Amino acid sequence: MSTVVHIFVASKRGAPMSAQQSVEALTEVGLTGDRYSEAKNRRSPDYQVTFIELENVEAFSQASGLPLTPDMPRRNIVTSGIRLNELCGKRFRVGRALFEGLELCEPCSLFAKRTHREVLQFFVGKGGLRARIVSGGEIRVGDAIEEDA
């Protein structure tokens, strides 16, 4: 079963990621309490929410021997049991919210600067998914993730 295992928000750029048990996804805006919920912090309208697979975070640590906790990639929603790349260009439900997968999150120099330089090579094609919120609603840790029919 595909589920949400962690939810993180950061109130401003560079601020520590704050773990949440639930969060409100705001239609075409972002997650309550996250910096991207304010239009001035979004580089473009699609900077609303990011997802990453827990399996890839754990695989990095196993392959490299370097520590990487679920909050360190700075993605909002950490998932388990789903291939996020397959949701690019598709709509999917998480809790009461409906999302549209827009593009893959490729590793960047900021990710490497805040973690380990090895992430640049390891996370190519595994860095997560950027999505827009088509229809808002509450998201909770433990919620299922399902492709919209």
N, C-alpha and C. Protein backbone atom coordinates (compact mmCIF):
# COMPACT_ATOMS: atom_id res chain seq x y z
N MET A 1 0.84 -1.19 0.00
CA MET A 1 0.00 0.00 0.00
C MET A 1 0.89 1.25 0.00
N SER A 2 0.52 2.23 -0.80
CA SER A 2 1.26 3.49 -0.89
C SER A 2 0.76 4.45 0.17
N THR A 3 1.68 4.98 0.98
CA THR A 3 1.25 5.86 2.07
C THR A 3 2.19 7.04 2.27
N VAL A 4 1.68 8.02 3.00
CA VAL A 4 2.46 9.15 3.48
C VAL A 4 3.13 8.72 4.79
N VAL A 5 4.45 8.82 4.86
CA VAL A 5 5.14 8.44 6.09
C VAL A 5 5.66 9.63 6.89
N HIS A 6 5.88 10.76 6.21
CA HIS A 6 6.30 11.99 6.89
C HIS A 6 5.73 13.18 6.13
N ILE A 7 5.45 14.26 6.88
CA ILE A 7 5.07 15.54 6.30
C ILE A 7 5.97 16.59 6.92
N PHE A 8 6.56 17.43 6.06
CA PHE A 8 7.46 18.48 6.53
C PHE A 8 7.09 19.82 5.90
N VAL A 9 7.20 20.88 6.67
CA VAL A 9 7.07 22.24 6.15
C VAL A 9 8.22 23.07 6.72
N ALA A 10 8.55 24.13 6.01
CA ALA A 10 9.55 25.10 6.49
C ALA A 10 8.96 26.49 6.30
N SER A 11 8.99 27.29 7.34
CA SER A 11 8.34 28.60 7.30
C SER A 11 9.06 29.59 6.38
N LYS A 12 10.36 29.39 6.16
CA LYS A 12 11.10 30.25 5.25
C LYS A 12 12.29 29.48 4.68
N ARG A 13 12.88 30.02 3.63
CA ARG A 13 14.02 29.37 2.98
C ARG A 13 15.14 29.16 4.01
N GLY A 14 15.63 27.93 4.04
CA GLY A 14 16.73 27.60 4.94
C GLY A 14 16.30 27.28 6.36
N ALA A 15 15.05 27.55 6.71
CA ALA A 15 14.57 27.24 8.06
C ALA A 15 14.51 25.72 8.22
N PRO A 16 14.69 25.22 9.43
CA PRO A 16 14.59 23.78 9.65
C PRO A 16 13.22 23.26 9.20
N MET A 17 13.22 22.05 8.68
CA MET A 17 11.96 21.41 8.30
C MET A 17 11.25 20.98 9.59
N SER A 18 9.98 21.29 9.66
CA SER A 18 9.17 20.97 10.83
C SER A 18 8.24 19.80 10.50
N ALA A 19 8.34 18.73 11.28
CA ALA A 19 7.50 17.55 11.06
C ALA A 19 6.07 17.84 11.51
N GLN A 20 5.11 17.40 10.70
CA GLN A 20 3.69 17.58 10.99
C GLN A 20 2.99 16.23 10.93
N GLN A 21 1.97 16.06 11.74
CA GLN A 21 1.15 14.85 11.65
C GLN A 21 0.05 15.02 10.60
N SER A 22 -0.34 16.28 10.40
CA SER A 22 -1.33 16.58 9.36
C SER A 22 -1.08 18.00 8.88
N VAL A 23 -1.57 18.27 7.67
CA VAL A 23 -1.40 19.60 7.08
C VAL A 23 -2.54 19.83 6.10
N GLU A 24 -2.89 21.08 5.90
CA GLU A 24 -3.92 21.42 4.93
C GLU A 24 -3.24 21.80 3.62
N ALA A 25 -3.63 21.11 2.55
CA ALA A 25 -3.18 21.45 1.20
C ALA A 25 -4.16 22.48 0.66
N LEU A 26 -3.65 23.64 0.27
CA LEU A 26 -4.48 24.74 -0.19
C LEU A 26 -4.49 24.78 -1.72
N THR A 27 -5.65 24.74 -2.33
CA THR A 27 -5.80 24.69 -3.78
C THR A 27 -4.96 25.75 -4.47
N GLU A 28 -4.09 25.31 -5.40
CA GLU A 28 -3.23 26.18 -6.22
C GLU A 28 -2.31 27.08 -5.40
N VAL A 29 -2.04 26.71 -4.14
CA VAL A 29 -1.22 27.57 -3.28
C VAL A 29 -0.03 26.81 -2.70
N GLY A 30 -0.28 25.87 -1.79
CA GLY A 30 0.78 25.15 -1.10
C GLY A 30 0.24 24.54 0.17
N LEU A 31 1.14 24.17 1.06
CA LEU A 31 0.76 23.56 2.34
C LEU A 31 0.76 24.62 3.43
N THR A 32 -0.22 24.58 4.30
CA THR A 32 -0.28 25.53 5.40
C THR A 32 1.02 25.49 6.20
N GLY A 33 1.58 26.66 6.46
CA GLY A 33 2.80 26.75 7.26
C GLY A 33 4.08 26.60 6.47
N ASP A 34 3.98 26.28 5.17
CA ASP A 34 5.18 26.13 4.35
C ASP A 34 5.47 27.43 3.61
N ARG A 35 6.75 27.71 3.39
CA ARG A 35 7.15 28.94 2.73
C ARG A 35 6.53 29.11 1.34
N TYR A 36 6.28 27.99 0.63
CA TYR A 36 5.73 28.09 -0.72
C TYR A 36 4.24 28.39 -0.73
N SER A 37 3.61 28.45 0.44
CA SER A 37 2.20 28.83 0.46
C SER A 37 2.06 30.34 0.23
N GLU A 38 3.17 31.06 0.28
CA GLU A 38 3.17 32.49 -0.02
C GLU A 38 3.70 32.68 -1.44
N ALA A 39 2.91 33.33 -2.29
CA ALA A 39 3.26 33.50 -3.71
C ALA A 39 4.65 34.11 -3.90
N LYS A 40 5.07 35.02 -3.04
CA LYS A 40 6.36 35.69 -3.20
C LYS A 40 7.54 34.71 -3.07
N ASN A 41 7.31 33.54 -2.47
CA ASN A 41 8.38 32.55 -2.28
C ASN A 41 8.43 31.50 -3.39
N ARG A 42 7.47 31.54 -4.31
CA ARG A 42 7.43 30.55 -5.39
C ARG A 42 8.11 31.12 -6.62
N ARG A 43 9.07 30.39 -7.17
CA ARG A 43 9.74 30.82 -8.39
C ARG A 43 8.78 30.82 -9.57
N SER A 44 7.80 29.94 -9.52
CA SER A 44 6.77 29.87 -10.55
C SER A 44 5.53 29.27 -9.89
N PRO A 45 4.38 29.31 -10.57
CA PRO A 45 3.14 28.82 -9.95
C PRO A 45 3.19 27.34 -9.55
N ASP A 46 4.10 26.57 -10.13
CA ASP A 46 4.14 25.14 -9.82
C ASP A 46 4.94 24.80 -8.57
N TYR A 47 5.53 25.77 -7.90
CA TYR A 47 6.26 25.51 -6.67
C TYR A 47 5.27 25.45 -5.51
N GLN A 48 4.50 24.37 -5.44
CA GLN A 48 3.47 24.26 -4.40
C GLN A 48 3.79 23.18 -3.39
N VAL A 49 4.20 22.00 -3.85
CA VAL A 49 4.48 20.89 -2.93
C VAL A 49 5.45 19.92 -3.61
N THR A 50 6.29 19.29 -2.79
CA THR A 50 7.24 18.31 -3.30
C THR A 50 7.09 17.00 -2.53
N PHE A 51 7.36 15.91 -3.24
CA PHE A 51 7.28 14.55 -2.69
C PHE A 51 8.62 13.86 -2.90
N ILE A 52 8.94 12.90 -2.05
CA ILE A 52 10.11 12.04 -2.24
C ILE A 52 9.81 10.67 -1.64
N GLU A 53 10.42 9.64 -2.21
CA GLU A 53 10.23 8.27 -1.74
C GLU A 53 11.19 7.96 -0.59
N LEU A 54 10.66 7.47 0.52
CA LEU A 54 11.48 7.05 1.64
C LEU A 54 12.49 5.98 1.20
N GLU A 55 12.07 5.12 0.29
CA GLU A 55 12.96 4.05 -0.17
C GLU A 55 14.24 4.60 -0.79
N ASN A 56 14.15 5.74 -1.49
CA ASN A 56 15.35 6.32 -2.09
C ASN A 56 16.24 7.00 -1.05
N VAL A 57 15.63 7.61 -0.05
CA VAL A 57 16.40 8.23 1.04
C VAL A 57 17.20 7.13 1.76
N GLU A 58 16.53 6.02 2.08
CA GLU A 58 17.20 4.91 2.77
C GLU A 58 18.25 4.25 1.89
N ALA A 59 17.97 4.12 0.59
CA ALA A 59 18.93 3.49 -0.33
C ALA A 59 20.20 4.32 -0.43
N PHE A 60 20.08 5.64 -0.38
CA PHE A 60 21.27 6.49 -0.42
C PHE A 60 22.17 6.19 0.78
N SER A 61 21.59 6.14 1.97
CA SER A 61 22.38 5.87 3.18
C SER A 61 23.03 4.50 3.12
N GLN A 62 22.29 3.51 2.64
CA GLN A 62 22.85 2.16 2.54
C GLN A 62 23.97 2.09 1.52
N ALA A 63 23.79 2.74 0.38
CA ALA A 63 24.79 2.68 -0.69
C ALA A 63 26.04 3.50 -0.37
N SER A 64 25.85 4.63 0.29
CA SER A 64 26.98 5.54 0.52
C SER A 64 27.60 5.42 1.91
N GLY A 65 26.83 4.90 2.87
CA GLY A 65 27.30 4.87 4.25
C GLY A 65 27.18 6.22 4.94
N LEU A 66 26.56 7.18 4.26
CA LEU A 66 26.40 8.53 4.81
C LEU A 66 24.99 8.70 5.38
N PRO A 67 24.86 9.46 6.46
CA PRO A 67 23.53 9.65 7.05
C PRO A 67 22.67 10.57 6.20
N LEU A 68 21.41 10.19 6.03
CA LEU A 68 20.42 11.04 5.36
C LEU A 68 19.07 10.72 5.99
N THR A 69 18.56 11.67 6.74
CA THR A 69 17.26 11.49 7.39
C THR A 69 16.15 11.95 6.44
N PRO A 70 14.91 11.53 6.67
CA PRO A 70 13.82 11.88 5.75
C PRO A 70 13.60 13.37 5.54
N ASP A 71 13.97 14.21 6.49
CA ASP A 71 13.78 15.65 6.34
C ASP A 71 14.91 16.32 5.55
N MET A 72 16.06 15.69 5.44
CA MET A 72 17.23 16.33 4.83
C MET A 72 17.09 16.68 3.35
N PRO A 73 16.36 15.92 2.54
CA PRO A 73 16.17 16.35 1.14
C PRO A 73 15.26 17.58 1.00
N ARG A 74 14.61 17.97 2.10
CA ARG A 74 13.74 19.15 2.15
C ARG A 74 12.54 19.05 1.22
N ARG A 75 11.98 17.85 1.13
CA ARG A 75 10.73 17.66 0.39
C ARG A 75 9.59 17.68 1.41
N ASN A 76 8.39 18.08 0.96
CA ASN A 76 7.27 18.21 1.89
C ASN A 76 6.68 16.89 2.33
N ILE A 77 6.48 15.98 1.38
CA ILE A 77 5.78 14.73 1.70
C ILE A 77 6.67 13.55 1.35
N VAL A 78 6.95 12.74 2.36
CA VAL A 78 7.77 11.54 2.17
C VAL A 78 6.82 10.35 2.07
N THR A 79 6.99 9.58 1.00
CA THR A 79 6.07 8.48 0.70
C THR A 79 6.75 7.13 0.87
N SER A 80 5.93 6.10 0.89
CA SER A 80 6.42 4.73 0.90
C SER A 80 5.50 3.89 0.02
N GLY A 81 6.10 3.00 -0.77
CA GLY A 81 5.31 2.06 -1.54
C GLY A 81 4.79 2.56 -2.87
N ILE A 82 5.34 3.66 -3.38
CA ILE A 82 4.88 4.18 -4.67
C ILE A 82 6.07 4.73 -5.46
N ARG A 83 6.03 4.56 -6.77
CA ARG A 83 7.05 5.11 -7.67
C ARG A 83 6.56 6.48 -8.12
N LEU A 84 7.09 7.52 -7.53
CA LEU A 84 6.62 8.87 -7.82
C LEU A 84 6.83 9.29 -9.27
N ASN A 85 7.91 8.82 -9.90
CA ASN A 85 8.18 9.20 -11.29
C ASN A 85 7.00 8.84 -12.19
N GLU A 86 6.30 7.78 -11.85
CA GLU A 86 5.16 7.34 -12.67
C GLU A 86 3.96 8.27 -12.54
N LEU A 87 3.98 9.17 -11.55
CA LEU A 87 2.88 10.11 -11.36
C LEU A 87 3.10 11.43 -12.08
N CYS A 88 4.26 11.60 -12.70
CA CYS A 88 4.55 12.82 -13.45
C CYS A 88 3.57 12.90 -14.63
N GLY A 89 2.85 14.01 -14.72
CA GLY A 89 1.85 14.18 -15.77
C GLY A 89 0.49 13.59 -15.45
N LYS A 90 0.36 13.05 -14.23
CA LYS A 90 -0.91 12.42 -13.84
C LYS A 90 -1.47 13.10 -12.59
N ARG A 91 -2.76 12.85 -12.37
CA ARG A 91 -3.40 13.32 -11.14
C ARG A 91 -3.48 12.18 -10.14
N PHE A 92 -3.30 12.53 -8.87
CA PHE A 92 -3.34 11.52 -7.81
C PHE A 92 -3.87 12.14 -6.53
N ARG A 93 -4.43 11.27 -5.69
CA ARG A 93 -5.01 11.70 -4.42
C ARG A 93 -4.11 11.32 -3.25
N VAL A 94 -4.03 12.26 -2.32
CA VAL A 94 -3.36 12.03 -1.05
C VAL A 94 -4.29 12.58 0.01
N GLY A 95 -4.81 11.70 0.85
CA GLY A 95 -5.80 12.15 1.82
C GLY A 95 -6.99 12.73 1.09
N ARG A 96 -7.38 13.94 1.47
CA ARG A 96 -8.54 14.59 0.84
C ARG A 96 -8.15 15.52 -0.32
N ALA A 97 -6.86 15.59 -0.62
CA ALA A 97 -6.37 16.52 -1.65
C ALA A 97 -6.10 15.81 -2.97
N LEU A 98 -6.24 16.57 -4.05
CA LEU A 98 -5.94 16.07 -5.39
C LEU A 98 -4.75 16.85 -5.95
N PHE A 99 -3.77 16.12 -6.44
CA PHE A 99 -2.54 16.72 -6.97
C PHE A 99 -2.36 16.37 -8.43
N GLU A 100 -1.51 17.15 -9.10
CA GLU A 100 -1.07 16.82 -10.44
C GLU A 100 0.45 16.84 -10.43
N GLY A 101 1.06 15.71 -10.81
CA GLY A 101 2.52 15.63 -10.88
C GLY A 101 3.02 16.45 -12.05
N LEU A 102 3.93 17.41 -11.80
CA LEU A 102 4.39 18.33 -12.84
C LEU A 102 5.76 17.99 -13.40
N GLU A 103 6.72 17.76 -12.51
CA GLU A 103 8.08 17.47 -12.99
C GLU A 103 8.87 16.79 -11.89
N LEU A 104 9.92 16.09 -12.31
CA LEU A 104 10.79 15.44 -11.35
C LEU A 104 11.65 16.48 -10.65
N CYS A 105 11.94 16.27 -9.39
CA CYS A 105 12.86 17.11 -8.64
C CYS A 105 14.25 16.49 -8.78
N GLU A 106 15.07 17.10 -9.57
CA GLU A 106 16.42 16.59 -9.72
C GLU A 106 17.31 17.19 -8.63
N PRO A 107 18.35 16.47 -8.24
CA PRO A 107 19.23 16.99 -7.19
C PRO A 107 19.93 18.26 -7.65
N CYS A 108 20.10 19.20 -6.73
CA CYS A 108 20.73 20.47 -7.06
C CYS A 108 21.89 20.74 -6.10
N SER A 109 22.62 21.79 -6.40
CA SER A 109 23.79 22.12 -5.58
C SER A 109 23.41 22.46 -4.15
N LEU A 110 22.22 23.04 -3.94
CA LEU A 110 21.78 23.36 -2.58
C LEU A 110 21.52 22.09 -1.77
N PHE A 111 20.91 21.09 -2.40
CA PHE A 111 20.70 19.78 -1.76
C PHE A 111 22.06 19.21 -1.34
N ALA A 112 23.04 19.27 -2.23
CA ALA A 112 24.38 18.75 -1.93
C ALA A 112 25.06 19.56 -0.83
N LYS A 113 24.91 20.87 -0.88
CA LYS A 113 25.54 21.74 0.12
C LYS A 113 25.00 21.45 1.51
N ARG A 114 23.70 21.17 1.60
CA ARG A 114 23.07 20.93 2.91
C ARG A 114 23.21 19.49 3.39
N THR A 115 23.65 18.61 2.50
CA THR A 115 23.76 17.19 2.88
C THR A 115 25.15 16.65 2.53
N HIS A 116 25.26 16.00 1.40
CA HIS A 116 26.51 15.37 0.96
C HIS A 116 26.63 15.55 -0.55
N ARG A 117 27.83 15.78 -1.06
CA ARG A 117 28.00 15.98 -2.51
C ARG A 117 27.58 14.74 -3.30
N GLU A 118 27.62 13.58 -2.67
CA GLU A 118 27.25 12.33 -3.34
C GLU A 118 25.77 12.28 -3.76
N VAL A 119 24.94 13.14 -3.17
CA VAL A 119 23.52 13.14 -3.55
C VAL A 119 23.33 13.55 -5.01
N LEU A 120 24.24 14.38 -5.53
CA LEU A 120 24.11 14.88 -6.90
C LEU A 120 24.07 13.73 -7.91
N GLN A 121 24.88 12.72 -7.68
CA GLN A 121 24.90 11.59 -8.60
C GLN A 121 23.82 10.57 -8.24
N PHE A 122 23.67 10.27 -6.97
CA PHE A 122 22.74 9.21 -6.55
C PHE A 122 21.28 9.54 -6.87
N PHE A 123 20.86 10.79 -6.65
CA PHE A 123 19.44 11.13 -6.76
C PHE A 123 18.98 11.55 -8.15
N VAL A 124 19.82 11.41 -9.16
CA VAL A 124 19.35 11.69 -10.52
C VAL A 124 18.21 10.71 -10.84
N GLY A 125 17.05 11.24 -11.19
CA GLY A 125 15.88 10.40 -11.46
C GLY A 125 15.22 9.83 -10.22
N LYS A 126 15.72 10.21 -9.02
CA LYS A 126 15.17 9.69 -7.76
C LYS A 126 14.96 10.79 -6.72
N GLY A 127 15.01 12.03 -7.15
CA GLY A 127 14.95 13.15 -6.22
C GLY A 127 13.56 13.59 -5.81
N GLY A 128 12.54 12.96 -6.38
CA GLY A 128 11.18 13.28 -5.98
C GLY A 128 10.36 13.88 -7.10
N LEU A 129 9.24 14.43 -6.73
CA LEU A 129 8.26 14.94 -7.68
C LEU A 129 7.72 16.29 -7.19
N ARG A 130 7.69 17.25 -8.09
CA ARG A 130 7.05 18.54 -7.82
C ARG A 130 5.61 18.44 -8.32
N ALA A 131 4.67 18.94 -7.53
CA ALA A 131 3.25 18.81 -7.89
C ALA A 131 2.49 20.08 -7.56
N ARG A 132 1.38 20.24 -8.24
CA ARG A 132 0.48 21.35 -7.92
C ARG A 132 -0.76 20.77 -7.24
N ILE A 133 -1.40 21.60 -6.45
CA ILE A 133 -2.59 21.19 -5.71
C ILE A 133 -3.81 21.59 -6.52
N VAL A 134 -4.44 20.60 -7.13
CA VAL A 134 -5.62 20.82 -7.97
C VAL A 134 -6.83 21.12 -7.10
N SER A 135 -6.96 20.37 -6.02
CA SER A 135 -8.08 20.53 -5.09
C SER A 135 -7.56 20.26 -3.69
N GLY A 136 -7.70 21.21 -2.81
CA GLY A 136 -7.13 21.12 -1.48
C GLY A 136 -7.88 20.20 -0.53
N GLY A 137 -7.28 20.00 0.62
CA GLY A 137 -7.86 19.18 1.67
C GLY A 137 -6.79 18.74 2.65
N GLU A 138 -7.22 18.11 3.71
CA GLU A 138 -6.29 17.67 4.75
C GLU A 138 -5.50 16.44 4.29
N ILE A 139 -4.22 16.44 4.67
CA ILE A 139 -3.33 15.30 4.43
C ILE A 139 -2.77 14.90 5.79
N ARG A 140 -2.77 13.59 6.06
CA ARG A 140 -2.27 13.08 7.34
C ARG A 140 -1.21 12.02 7.10
N VAL A 141 -0.29 11.91 8.04
CA VAL A 141 0.65 10.78 8.02
C VAL A 141 -0.19 9.50 8.06
N GLY A 142 0.11 8.56 7.19
CA GLY A 142 -0.64 7.32 7.10
C GLY A 142 -1.68 7.30 5.99
N ASP A 143 -1.96 8.47 5.40
CA ASP A 143 -2.93 8.52 4.30
C ASP A 143 -2.42 7.73 3.09
N ALA A 144 -3.38 7.15 2.37
CA ALA A 144 -3.05 6.43 1.14
C ALA A 144 -2.79 7.40 0.00
N ILE A 145 -1.99 6.94 -0.95
CA ILE A 145 -1.71 7.70 -2.17
C ILE A 145 -2.24 6.85 -3.32
N GLU A 146 -3.14 7.44 -4.11
CA GLU A 146 -3.78 6.67 -5.18
C GLU A 146 -3.87 7.50 -6.44
N GLU A 147 -3.57 6.89 -7.56
CA GLU A 147 -3.72 7.57 -8.84
C GLU A 147 -5.20 7.85 -9.05
N ASP A 148 -5.51 9.05 -9.54
CA ASP A 148 -6.91 9.43 -9.77
C ASP A 148 -7.42 8.74 -11.04
N ALA A 149 -8.58 8.15 -10.95
CA ALA A 149 -9.14 7.40 -12.09
C ALA A 149 -9.66 8.32 -13.17
